[in-house]
Amino acid sequence: MIKLTKRKAFNFFRSYYDVYNELESDEDKVAFINALLDRQFLGVKPSNLKGMAKFAYISQTNSIDSQVKGYEDKTKTFLNPIDAPIDTPTYGGTEPPTVQEKEKEEVKEITTTEIINFDDAVNICLFSEQWKEDIERLYKIDRTKIQYALNEFKLHCGTTGDNKPRSLNQFKKHFTNWVRVKQQYQVKTINKDRL
């Protein structure tokens, strides 16, 4: 039976040969060599070795695993797909993400330069606590009114036709400019009313 592998060769160290020669029974020798070859070519760690064959393999584990890891790191391939890391994010094992980790993800999304739909940008900003904090601090807008301000901005852009797709960075800049102009207009109106 042919076993498919991406690996073409590996270094067979003298220590493997020495351990092999120390084994007395042919059964142990074959089990050790099979385990060594399966690990080197297929990435499969032996689970059914017994007796002296198991002892022989364990004595060489460090060397064998180092060779396999070196090959996988260099070629960016995994010999055994079962051992390949999963590309899903983990947060300290099975623990759910903390509030700070969630906020870091939101900040990463907001700093993106990818062009997205106008409504999506509004929604992302609505759910970003860090962005709301920044707006509150910079423009002295009460946090509870930021959602109202975003909805008013959305309506304004819809009426003027300025609700085109843009990056989140561009959206944030456009919103903050709108807030600044609106605040300046309100100050001028208040000053006119006092006269």
N, C-alpha and C. Protein backbone atom coordinates (compact mmCIF):
# COMPACT_ATOMS: atom_id res chain seq x y z
N MET A 1 0.84 -1.18 0.00
CA MET A 1 0.00 0.00 0.00
C MET A 1 0.89 1.25 0.00
N ILE A 2 0.62 2.16 -0.93
CA ILE A 2 1.39 3.40 -1.02
C ILE A 2 0.72 4.46 -0.13
N LYS A 3 1.53 5.06 0.72
CA LYS A 3 1.05 6.14 1.59
C LYS A 3 1.51 7.46 0.98
N LEU A 4 0.58 8.36 0.74
CA LEU A 4 0.92 9.63 0.11
C LEU A 4 1.59 10.57 1.11
N THR A 5 2.65 11.22 0.66
CA THR A 5 3.35 12.19 1.50
C THR A 5 3.95 13.27 0.63
N LYS A 6 4.10 14.46 1.19
CA LYS A 6 4.72 15.57 0.47
C LYS A 6 6.23 15.57 0.66
N ARG A 7 6.67 14.92 1.71
CA ARG A 7 8.09 14.92 2.04
C ARG A 7 8.85 13.92 1.20
N LYS A 8 10.02 14.32 0.70
CA LYS A 8 10.79 13.44 -0.18
C LYS A 8 11.91 12.71 0.56
N ALA A 9 12.44 13.29 1.65
CA ALA A 9 13.57 12.67 2.34
C ALA A 9 13.70 13.23 3.76
N PHE A 10 14.48 12.57 4.58
CA PHE A 10 14.85 13.09 5.90
C PHE A 10 16.20 12.50 6.28
N ASN A 11 16.86 13.11 7.25
CA ASN A 11 18.15 12.61 7.71
C ASN A 11 17.95 11.44 8.66
N PHE A 12 18.54 10.31 8.32
CA PHE A 12 18.47 9.13 9.18
C PHE A 12 19.74 9.16 10.04
N PHE A 13 19.58 9.57 11.30
CA PHE A 13 20.73 9.75 12.18
C PHE A 13 21.31 8.42 12.66
N ARG A 14 22.57 8.47 13.02
CA ARG A 14 23.26 7.29 13.54
C ARG A 14 22.57 6.78 14.80
N SER A 15 22.03 7.69 15.62
CA SER A 15 21.36 7.27 16.86
C SER A 15 20.15 6.39 16.56
N TYR A 16 19.46 6.66 15.43
CA TYR A 16 18.32 5.80 15.06
C TYR A 16 18.83 4.37 14.79
N TYR A 17 19.93 4.29 14.07
CA TYR A 17 20.52 3.00 13.72
C TYR A 17 21.01 2.27 14.97
N ASP A 18 21.63 3.01 15.88
CA ASP A 18 22.14 2.40 17.12
C ASP A 18 20.99 1.84 17.95
N VAL A 19 19.92 2.60 18.10
CA VAL A 19 18.76 2.14 18.88
C VAL A 19 18.13 0.94 18.19
N TYR A 20 18.00 1.01 16.89
CA TYR A 20 17.45 -0.09 16.10
C TYR A 20 18.24 -1.38 16.35
N ASN A 21 19.57 -1.27 16.33
CA ASN A 21 20.42 -2.45 16.52
C ASN A 21 20.34 -3.00 17.94
N GLU A 22 19.97 -2.17 18.91
CA GLU A 22 19.84 -2.63 20.30
C GLU A 22 18.59 -3.47 20.51
N LEU A 23 17.61 -3.32 19.62
CA LEU A 23 16.37 -4.09 19.75
C LEU A 23 16.66 -5.55 19.39
N GLU A 24 16.14 -6.46 20.19
CA GLU A 24 16.47 -7.88 19.99
C GLU A 24 15.53 -8.58 19.02
N SER A 25 14.24 -8.30 19.11
CA SER A 25 13.31 -9.03 18.24
C SER A 25 13.05 -8.25 16.95
N ASP A 26 12.83 -9.02 15.90
CA ASP A 26 12.50 -8.39 14.62
C ASP A 26 11.18 -7.61 14.71
N GLU A 27 10.27 -8.11 15.52
CA GLU A 27 8.97 -7.44 15.70
C GLU A 27 9.17 -6.03 16.26
N ASP A 28 10.05 -5.88 17.27
CA ASP A 28 10.34 -4.57 17.86
C ASP A 28 11.06 -3.67 16.85
N LYS A 29 11.97 -4.26 16.07
CA LYS A 29 12.71 -3.48 15.07
C LYS A 29 11.76 -2.91 14.01
N VAL A 30 10.87 -3.76 13.53
CA VAL A 30 9.90 -3.33 12.51
C VAL A 30 8.96 -2.27 13.07
N ALA A 31 8.48 -2.46 14.30
CA ALA A 31 7.56 -1.49 14.92
C ALA A 31 8.25 -0.14 15.10
N PHE A 32 9.53 -0.15 15.52
CA PHE A 32 10.28 1.09 15.71
C PHE A 32 10.48 1.81 14.37
N ILE A 33 10.92 1.09 13.37
CA ILE A 33 11.18 1.69 12.04
C ILE A 33 9.87 2.21 11.43
N ASN A 34 8.80 1.43 11.54
CA ASN A 34 7.51 1.89 11.01
C ASN A 34 7.06 3.18 11.69
N ALA A 35 7.21 3.24 13.01
CA ALA A 35 6.83 4.45 13.75
C ALA A 35 7.68 5.63 13.32
N LEU A 36 8.98 5.41 13.18
CA LEU A 36 9.91 6.46 12.75
C LEU A 36 9.53 6.98 11.35
N LEU A 37 9.31 6.06 10.42
CA LEU A 37 8.99 6.45 9.04
C LEU A 37 7.62 7.15 8.95
N ASP A 38 6.62 6.62 9.66
CA ASP A 38 5.30 7.26 9.64
C ASP A 38 5.35 8.67 10.22
N ARG A 39 6.16 8.85 11.26
CA ARG A 39 6.28 10.19 11.85
C ARG A 39 7.00 11.14 10.90
N GLN A 40 8.08 10.69 10.29
CA GLN A 40 8.88 11.54 9.42
C GLN A 40 8.18 11.87 8.10
N PHE A 41 7.48 10.91 7.53
CA PHE A 41 6.85 11.15 6.24
C PHE A 41 5.38 11.56 6.32
N LEU A 42 4.67 11.09 7.33
CA LEU A 42 3.23 11.37 7.42
C LEU A 42 2.87 12.29 8.59
N GLY A 43 3.84 12.50 9.49
CA GLY A 43 3.57 13.35 10.65
C GLY A 43 2.76 12.67 11.73
N VAL A 44 2.55 11.37 11.61
CA VAL A 44 1.71 10.63 12.55
C VAL A 44 2.54 10.20 13.76
N LYS A 45 2.09 10.63 14.95
CA LYS A 45 2.76 10.20 16.18
C LYS A 45 2.27 8.80 16.54
N PRO A 46 3.18 7.90 16.89
CA PRO A 46 2.77 6.53 17.19
C PRO A 46 1.94 6.45 18.47
N SER A 47 0.90 5.65 18.43
CA SER A 47 0.04 5.51 19.60
C SER A 47 -0.08 4.07 20.07
N ASN A 48 0.41 3.15 19.26
CA ASN A 48 0.23 1.74 19.62
C ASN A 48 1.55 0.99 19.84
N LEU A 49 2.64 1.70 20.07
CA LEU A 49 3.92 1.03 20.34
C LEU A 49 3.91 0.42 21.73
N LYS A 50 4.59 -0.72 21.86
CA LYS A 50 4.64 -1.41 23.15
C LYS A 50 6.07 -1.87 23.43
N GLY A 51 6.32 -2.10 24.68
CA GLY A 51 7.58 -2.71 25.10
C GLY A 51 8.82 -1.96 24.67
N MET A 52 9.81 -2.71 24.17
CA MET A 52 11.11 -2.14 23.80
C MET A 52 11.02 -1.21 22.59
N ALA A 53 10.09 -1.48 21.67
CA ALA A 53 9.92 -0.59 20.51
C ALA A 53 9.48 0.79 20.98
N LYS A 54 8.59 0.80 21.96
CA LYS A 54 8.12 2.08 22.52
C LYS A 54 9.27 2.80 23.22
N PHE A 55 10.05 2.05 24.00
CA PHE A 55 11.19 2.63 24.69
C PHE A 55 12.19 3.22 23.68
N ALA A 56 12.46 2.47 22.61
CA ALA A 56 13.40 2.92 21.58
C ALA A 56 12.91 4.21 20.93
N TYR A 57 11.62 4.26 20.60
CA TYR A 57 11.06 5.45 19.96
C TYR A 57 11.12 6.65 20.91
N ILE A 58 10.74 6.43 22.17
CA ILE A 58 10.75 7.53 23.15
C ILE A 58 12.16 8.09 23.31
N SER A 59 13.17 7.25 23.24
CA SER A 59 14.55 7.72 23.38
C SER A 59 14.97 8.65 22.24
N GLN A 60 14.27 8.58 21.12
CA GLN A 60 14.61 9.40 19.95
C GLN A 60 13.56 10.48 19.64
N THR A 61 12.55 10.57 20.49
CA THR A 61 11.43 11.48 20.23
C THR A 61 11.88 12.92 19.98
N ASN A 62 12.77 13.42 20.81
CA ASN A 62 13.21 14.81 20.67
C ASN A 62 13.81 15.07 19.29
N SER A 63 14.68 14.19 18.87
CA SER A 63 15.33 14.32 17.57
C SER A 63 14.31 14.20 16.43
N ILE A 64 13.44 13.22 16.53
CA ILE A 64 12.44 12.98 15.47
C ILE A 64 11.50 14.18 15.35
N ASP A 65 10.96 14.62 16.49
CA ASP A 65 10.02 15.75 16.48
C ASP A 65 10.67 17.03 15.99
N SER A 66 11.95 17.22 16.33
CA SER A 66 12.67 18.41 15.85
C SER A 66 12.80 18.41 14.34
N GLN A 67 13.09 17.24 13.77
CA GLN A 67 13.20 17.15 12.31
C GLN A 67 11.86 17.45 11.64
N VAL A 68 10.80 16.88 12.18
CA VAL A 68 9.46 17.09 11.59
C VAL A 68 9.08 18.57 11.68
N LYS A 69 9.28 19.16 12.85
CA LYS A 69 8.95 20.57 13.04
C LYS A 69 9.76 21.45 12.09
N GLY A 70 11.07 21.14 11.97
CA GLY A 70 11.94 21.90 11.06
C GLY A 70 11.43 21.85 9.62
N TYR A 71 11.04 20.67 9.19
CA TYR A 71 10.49 20.51 7.84
C TYR A 71 9.20 21.32 7.67
N GLU A 72 8.29 21.18 8.64
CA GLU A 72 7.00 21.87 8.54
C GLU A 72 7.16 23.38 8.58
N ASP A 73 8.05 23.88 9.44
CA ASP A 73 8.28 25.33 9.51
C ASP A 73 8.90 25.86 8.22
N LYS A 74 9.86 25.12 7.67
CA LYS A 74 10.55 25.56 6.46
C LYS A 74 9.63 25.55 5.24
N THR A 75 8.83 24.50 5.12
CA THR A 75 7.98 24.37 3.93
C THR A 75 6.58 24.95 4.12
N LYS A 76 6.25 25.33 5.34
CA LYS A 76 4.92 25.88 5.67
C LYS A 76 3.80 24.90 5.31
N THR A 77 4.11 23.61 5.44
CA THR A 77 3.10 22.58 5.23
C THR A 77 3.09 21.66 6.44
N PHE A 78 1.97 21.04 6.68
CA PHE A 78 1.85 20.10 7.78
C PHE A 78 1.73 18.69 7.21
N LEU A 79 2.60 17.82 7.68
CA LEU A 79 2.58 16.45 7.20
C LEU A 79 1.28 15.76 7.58
N ASN A 80 0.81 16.03 8.79
CA ASN A 80 -0.43 15.43 9.28
C ASN A 80 -1.47 16.53 9.42
N PRO A 81 -2.47 16.60 8.53
CA PRO A 81 -3.45 17.67 8.59
C PRO A 81 -4.19 17.75 9.92
N ILE A 82 -4.25 16.65 10.65
CA ILE A 82 -4.92 16.65 11.95
C ILE A 82 -4.17 17.51 12.94
N ASP A 83 -2.83 17.58 12.82
CA ASP A 83 -2.02 18.38 13.72
C ASP A 83 -1.93 19.84 13.31
N ALA A 84 -2.43 20.18 12.13
CA ALA A 84 -2.36 21.56 11.65
C ALA A 84 -3.20 22.47 12.54
N PRO A 85 -2.69 23.67 12.83
CA PRO A 85 -3.47 24.58 13.67
C PRO A 85 -4.71 25.06 12.94
N ILE A 86 -5.76 25.28 13.69
CA ILE A 86 -7.01 25.78 13.12
C ILE A 86 -6.93 27.30 13.09
N ASP A 87 -7.41 27.91 12.03
CA ASP A 87 -7.30 29.35 11.85
C ASP A 87 -8.35 30.15 12.59
N THR A 88 -9.02 29.56 13.56
CA THR A 88 -9.99 30.33 14.32
C THR A 88 -9.30 30.96 15.52
N PRO A 89 -9.66 32.18 15.86
CA PRO A 89 -9.00 32.82 16.99
C PRO A 89 -9.37 32.16 18.30
N THR A 90 -8.41 32.08 19.19
CA THR A 90 -8.67 31.55 20.52
C THR A 90 -8.29 32.60 21.53
N TYR A 91 -8.96 32.58 22.61
CA TYR A 91 -8.72 33.56 23.67
C TYR A 91 -8.40 32.80 24.95
N GLY A 92 -7.17 32.38 25.09
CA GLY A 92 -6.77 31.67 26.30
C GLY A 92 -7.46 30.33 26.45
N GLY A 93 -7.53 29.55 25.40
CA GLY A 93 -8.16 28.24 25.47
C GLY A 93 -9.64 28.35 25.21
N THR A 94 -10.45 27.84 26.16
CA THR A 94 -11.89 27.82 25.95
C THR A 94 -12.59 29.00 26.62
N GLU A 95 -11.83 29.89 27.23
CA GLU A 95 -12.42 31.05 27.90
C GLU A 95 -12.99 32.01 26.85
N PRO A 96 -14.13 32.63 27.13
CA PRO A 96 -14.66 33.63 26.20
C PRO A 96 -13.80 34.87 26.21
N PRO A 97 -13.83 35.66 25.13
CA PRO A 97 -13.00 36.85 25.07
C PRO A 97 -13.43 37.87 26.14
N THR A 98 -12.45 38.59 26.65
CA THR A 98 -12.75 39.64 27.63
C THR A 98 -13.24 40.88 26.90
N VAL A 99 -13.75 41.83 27.64
CA VAL A 99 -14.24 43.08 27.06
C VAL A 99 -13.11 43.80 26.34
N GLN A 100 -11.90 43.80 26.96
CA GLN A 100 -10.77 44.48 26.35
C GLN A 100 -10.40 43.83 25.02
N GLU A 101 -10.45 42.49 24.95
CA GLU A 101 -10.12 41.81 23.70
C GLU A 101 -11.15 42.12 22.62
N LYS A 102 -12.42 42.20 23.01
CA LYS A 102 -13.46 42.55 22.04
C LYS A 102 -13.24 43.95 21.51
N GLU A 103 -12.90 44.89 22.41
CA GLU A 103 -12.66 46.27 22.00
C GLU A 103 -11.47 46.36 21.07
N LYS A 104 -10.40 45.56 21.33
CA LYS A 104 -9.24 45.57 20.44
C LYS A 104 -9.64 45.14 19.04
N GLU A 105 -10.51 44.12 18.94
CA GLU A 105 -10.99 43.67 17.63
C GLU A 105 -11.75 44.79 16.93
N GLU A 106 -12.60 45.50 17.68
CA GLU A 106 -13.38 46.59 17.10
C GLU A 106 -12.47 47.70 16.61
N VAL A 107 -11.42 48.02 17.38
CA VAL A 107 -10.49 49.08 16.98
C VAL A 107 -9.78 48.68 15.71
N LYS A 108 -9.38 47.40 15.61
CA LYS A 108 -8.72 46.93 14.39
C LYS A 108 -9.65 47.10 13.20
N GLU A 109 -10.95 46.79 13.37
CA GLU A 109 -11.90 46.94 12.27
C GLU A 109 -12.01 48.40 11.86
N ILE A 110 -12.01 49.29 12.81
CA ILE A 110 -12.22 50.71 12.52
C ILE A 110 -11.03 51.32 11.81
N THR A 111 -9.83 50.83 12.04
CA THR A 111 -8.66 51.42 11.40
C THR A 111 -8.43 50.87 10.00
N THR A 112 -9.33 50.07 9.51
CA THR A 112 -9.15 49.47 8.19
C THR A 112 -9.27 50.50 7.09
N THR A 113 -8.60 50.24 5.98
CA THR A 113 -8.68 51.12 4.82
C THR A 113 -9.49 50.49 3.70
N GLU A 114 -10.09 49.36 3.97
CA GLU A 114 -10.92 48.67 2.97
C GLU A 114 -12.20 49.47 2.73
N ILE A 115 -12.59 49.62 1.48
CA ILE A 115 -13.80 50.36 1.13
C ILE A 115 -15.01 49.51 1.48
N ILE A 116 -15.94 50.11 2.25
CA ILE A 116 -17.15 49.39 2.65
C ILE A 116 -18.37 50.27 2.44
N ASN A 117 -19.52 49.65 2.48
CA ASN A 117 -20.81 50.30 2.33
C ASN A 117 -21.01 51.34 3.43
N PHE A 118 -21.65 52.46 3.11
CA PHE A 118 -21.89 53.55 4.06
C PHE A 118 -22.66 53.07 5.29
N ASP A 119 -23.73 52.31 5.08
CA ASP A 119 -24.53 51.82 6.21
C ASP A 119 -23.73 50.89 7.12
N ASP A 120 -22.85 50.08 6.53
CA ASP A 120 -22.00 49.20 7.33
C ASP A 120 -21.05 50.02 8.21
N ALA A 121 -20.52 51.10 7.66
CA ALA A 121 -19.63 51.98 8.44
C ALA A 121 -20.38 52.58 9.63
N VAL A 122 -21.63 53.00 9.39
CA VAL A 122 -22.44 53.56 10.48
C VAL A 122 -22.63 52.50 11.56
N ASN A 123 -22.98 51.29 11.17
CA ASN A 123 -23.23 50.22 12.13
C ASN A 123 -21.97 49.85 12.92
N ILE A 124 -20.84 49.79 12.25
CA ILE A 124 -19.59 49.45 12.93
C ILE A 124 -19.28 50.52 13.98
N CYS A 125 -19.45 51.77 13.62
CA CYS A 125 -19.17 52.85 14.57
C CYS A 125 -20.17 52.83 15.74
N LEU A 126 -21.42 52.47 15.45
CA LEU A 126 -22.42 52.40 16.52
C LEU A 126 -22.03 51.39 17.60
N PHE A 127 -21.35 50.32 17.19
CA PHE A 127 -21.02 49.26 18.14
C PHE A 127 -19.59 49.34 18.68
N SER A 128 -18.84 50.35 18.30
CA SER A 128 -17.47 50.48 18.77
C SER A 128 -17.42 51.38 20.00
N GLU A 129 -17.20 50.77 21.15
CA GLU A 129 -17.13 51.53 22.41
C GLU A 129 -15.94 52.47 22.40
N GLN A 130 -14.80 52.03 21.86
CA GLN A 130 -13.60 52.86 21.83
C GLN A 130 -13.84 54.10 20.98
N TRP A 131 -14.47 53.94 19.84
CA TRP A 131 -14.73 55.07 18.95
C TRP A 131 -15.69 56.06 19.62
N LYS A 132 -16.70 55.54 20.30
CA LYS A 132 -17.64 56.42 21.01
C LYS A 132 -16.92 57.22 22.09
N GLU A 133 -16.01 56.57 22.81
CA GLU A 133 -15.22 57.28 23.82
C GLU A 133 -14.43 58.40 23.19
N ASP A 134 -13.78 58.12 22.06
CA ASP A 134 -12.98 59.14 21.39
C ASP A 134 -13.83 60.32 20.95
N ILE A 135 -14.99 60.05 20.38
CA ILE A 135 -15.88 61.12 19.93
C ILE A 135 -16.36 61.95 21.12
N GLU A 136 -16.72 61.27 22.19
CA GLU A 136 -17.19 61.96 23.40
C GLU A 136 -16.10 62.87 23.96
N ARG A 137 -14.88 62.37 24.00
CA ARG A 137 -13.76 63.15 24.54
C ARG A 137 -13.40 64.32 23.63
N LEU A 138 -13.31 64.09 22.33
CA LEU A 138 -12.87 65.13 21.41
C LEU A 138 -13.92 66.20 21.14
N TYR A 139 -15.18 65.81 21.05
CA TYR A 139 -16.21 66.75 20.62
C TYR A 139 -17.24 67.06 21.69
N LYS A 140 -16.99 66.55 22.87
CA LYS A 140 -17.87 66.84 24.02
C LYS A 140 -19.32 66.50 23.73
N ILE A 141 -19.52 65.40 23.00
CA ILE A 141 -20.87 64.92 22.72
C ILE A 141 -21.18 63.87 23.77
N ASP A 142 -22.29 64.02 24.45
CA ASP A 142 -22.71 63.03 25.43
C ASP A 142 -22.83 61.68 24.73
N ARG A 143 -22.30 60.65 25.39
CA ARG A 143 -22.27 59.31 24.80
C ARG A 143 -23.65 58.83 24.37
N THR A 144 -24.66 59.19 25.11
CA THR A 144 -26.02 58.74 24.77
C THR A 144 -26.53 59.41 23.50
N LYS A 145 -25.90 60.52 23.12
CA LYS A 145 -26.36 61.26 21.92
C LYS A 145 -25.57 60.91 20.67
N ILE A 146 -24.54 60.08 20.81
CA ILE A 146 -23.73 59.73 19.64
C ILE A 146 -24.56 58.95 18.63
N GLN A 147 -25.40 58.04 19.11
CA GLN A 147 -26.25 57.27 18.19
C GLN A 147 -27.18 58.22 17.43
N TYR A 148 -27.74 59.18 18.13
CA TYR A 148 -28.61 60.17 17.50
C TYR A 148 -27.82 60.97 16.45
N ALA A 149 -26.57 61.38 16.82
CA ALA A 149 -25.73 62.15 15.89
C ALA A 149 -25.40 61.32 14.65
N LEU A 150 -25.10 60.05 14.84
CA LEU A 150 -24.80 59.19 13.69
C LEU A 150 -26.02 59.04 12.78
N ASN A 151 -27.19 58.86 13.38
CA ASN A 151 -28.41 58.74 12.57
C ASN A 151 -28.71 60.04 11.83
N GLU A 152 -28.48 61.17 12.49
CA GLU A 152 -28.69 62.48 11.84
C GLU A 152 -27.69 62.65 10.69
N PHE A 153 -26.44 62.22 10.91
CA PHE A 153 -25.41 62.29 9.88
C PHE A 153 -25.78 61.40 8.69
N LYS A 154 -26.29 60.22 8.99
CA LYS A 154 -26.71 59.29 7.94
C LYS A 154 -27.82 59.91 7.10
N LEU A 155 -28.78 60.52 7.75
CA LEU A 155 -29.88 61.19 7.06
C LEU A 155 -29.36 62.35 6.20
N HIS A 156 -28.46 63.15 6.78
CA HIS A 156 -27.85 64.27 6.05
C HIS A 156 -27.14 63.79 4.78
N CYS A 157 -26.32 62.73 4.94
CA CYS A 157 -25.56 62.21 3.79
C CYS A 157 -26.50 61.60 2.74
N GLY A 158 -27.59 60.99 3.20
CA GLY A 158 -28.57 60.43 2.26
C GLY A 158 -29.25 61.52 1.46
N THR A 159 -29.54 62.65 2.10
CA THR A 159 -30.20 63.76 1.41
C THR A 159 -29.25 64.46 0.44
N THR A 160 -28.00 64.59 0.83
CA THR A 160 -27.03 65.29 -0.03
C THR A 160 -26.39 64.36 -1.06
N GLY A 161 -26.65 63.07 -0.94
CA GLY A 161 -26.06 62.10 -1.87
C GLY A 161 -24.60 61.79 -1.55
N ASP A 162 -24.19 62.11 -0.33
CA ASP A 162 -22.80 61.90 0.06
C ASP A 162 -22.63 60.60 0.85
N ASN A 163 -23.51 59.64 0.62
CA ASN A 163 -23.42 58.37 1.35
C ASN A 163 -22.76 57.28 0.51
N LYS A 164 -21.70 57.65 -0.16
CA LYS A 164 -20.98 56.71 -1.02
C LYS A 164 -20.11 55.77 -0.19
N PRO A 165 -19.75 54.61 -0.74
CA PRO A 165 -18.85 53.68 -0.03
C PRO A 165 -17.49 54.34 0.18
N ARG A 166 -16.90 54.09 1.32
CA ARG A 166 -15.58 54.62 1.66
C ARG A 166 -14.98 53.76 2.75
N SER A 167 -13.74 54.02 3.08
CA SER A 167 -13.09 53.26 4.15
C SER A 167 -13.60 53.77 5.50
N LEU A 168 -13.42 52.99 6.54
CA LEU A 168 -13.83 53.44 7.86
C LEU A 168 -13.07 54.68 8.29
N ASN A 169 -11.79 54.75 7.92
CA ASN A 169 -11.01 55.96 8.25
C ASN A 169 -11.62 57.18 7.58
N GLN A 170 -11.99 57.07 6.31
CA GLN A 170 -12.61 58.18 5.59
C GLN A 170 -13.97 58.53 6.18
N PHE A 171 -14.73 57.49 6.54
CA PHE A 171 -16.05 57.71 7.14
C PHE A 171 -15.92 58.48 8.45
N LYS A 172 -14.99 58.05 9.30
CA LYS A 172 -14.79 58.71 10.60
C LYS A 172 -14.39 60.17 10.40
N LYS A 173 -13.50 60.41 9.45
CA LYS A 173 -13.05 61.78 9.19
C LYS A 173 -14.21 62.63 8.69
N HIS A 174 -15.02 62.06 7.80
CA HIS A 174 -16.19 62.77 7.26
C HIS A 174 -17.18 63.10 8.38
N PHE A 175 -17.42 62.14 9.26
CA PHE A 175 -18.34 62.35 10.37
C PHE A 175 -17.83 63.42 11.32
N THR A 176 -16.54 63.33 11.67
CA THR A 176 -16.00 64.32 12.61
C THR A 176 -15.98 65.72 12.02
N ASN A 177 -15.72 65.85 10.72
CA ASN A 177 -15.81 67.17 10.07
C ASN A 177 -17.23 67.70 10.13
N TRP A 178 -18.20 66.83 9.89
CA TRP A 178 -19.61 67.22 9.94
C TRP A 178 -19.98 67.69 11.35
N VAL A 179 -19.51 66.94 12.37
CA VAL A 179 -19.78 67.32 13.76
C VAL A 179 -19.16 68.69 14.06
N ARG A 180 -17.92 68.91 13.62
CA ARG A 180 -17.24 70.19 13.86
C ARG A 180 -18.01 71.35 13.23
N VAL A 181 -18.42 71.17 11.97
CA VAL A 181 -19.17 72.24 11.28
C VAL A 181 -20.50 72.48 11.99
N LYS A 182 -21.17 71.42 12.37
CA LYS A 182 -22.45 71.54 13.06
C LYS A 182 -22.29 72.28 14.39
N GLN A 183 -21.24 71.95 15.13
CA GLN A 183 -20.99 72.64 16.40
C GLN A 183 -20.66 74.11 16.18
N GLN A 184 -19.88 74.42 15.15
CA GLN A 184 -19.56 75.83 14.85
C GLN A 184 -20.83 76.59 14.47
N TYR A 185 -21.70 75.95 13.69
CA TYR A 185 -22.94 76.59 13.28
C TYR A 185 -23.82 76.88 14.50
N GLN A 186 -23.88 75.92 15.44
CA GLN A 186 -24.69 76.10 16.65
C GLN A 186 -24.14 77.25 17.49
N VAL A 187 -22.82 77.39 17.59
CA VAL A 187 -22.22 78.48 18.35
C VAL A 187 -22.57 79.82 17.71
N LYS A 188 -22.48 79.90 16.37
CA LYS A 188 -22.82 81.14 15.67
C LYS A 188 -24.30 81.49 15.89
N THR A 189 -25.18 80.50 15.85
CA THR A 189 -26.61 80.74 16.02
C THR A 189 -26.86 81.23 17.44
N ILE A 190 -26.21 80.63 18.43
CA ILE A 190 -26.40 81.06 19.82
C ILE A 190 -25.93 82.49 19.99
N ASN A 191 -24.78 82.83 19.41
CA ASN A 191 -24.26 84.20 19.52
C ASN A 191 -25.17 85.21 18.83
N LYS A 192 -25.78 84.87 17.71
CA LYS A 192 -26.71 85.77 17.01
C LYS A 192 -27.94 86.01 17.87
N ASP A 193 -28.40 84.94 18.51
CA ASP A 193 -29.60 85.07 19.36
C ASP A 193 -29.36 85.97 20.56
N ARG A 194 -28.12 86.06 21.05
CA ARG A 194 -27.80 86.90 22.19
C ARG A 194 -27.77 88.37 21.83
N LEU A 195 -27.52 88.69 20.58
CA LEU A 195 -27.42 90.09 20.16
C LEU A 195 -28.73 90.78 20.14
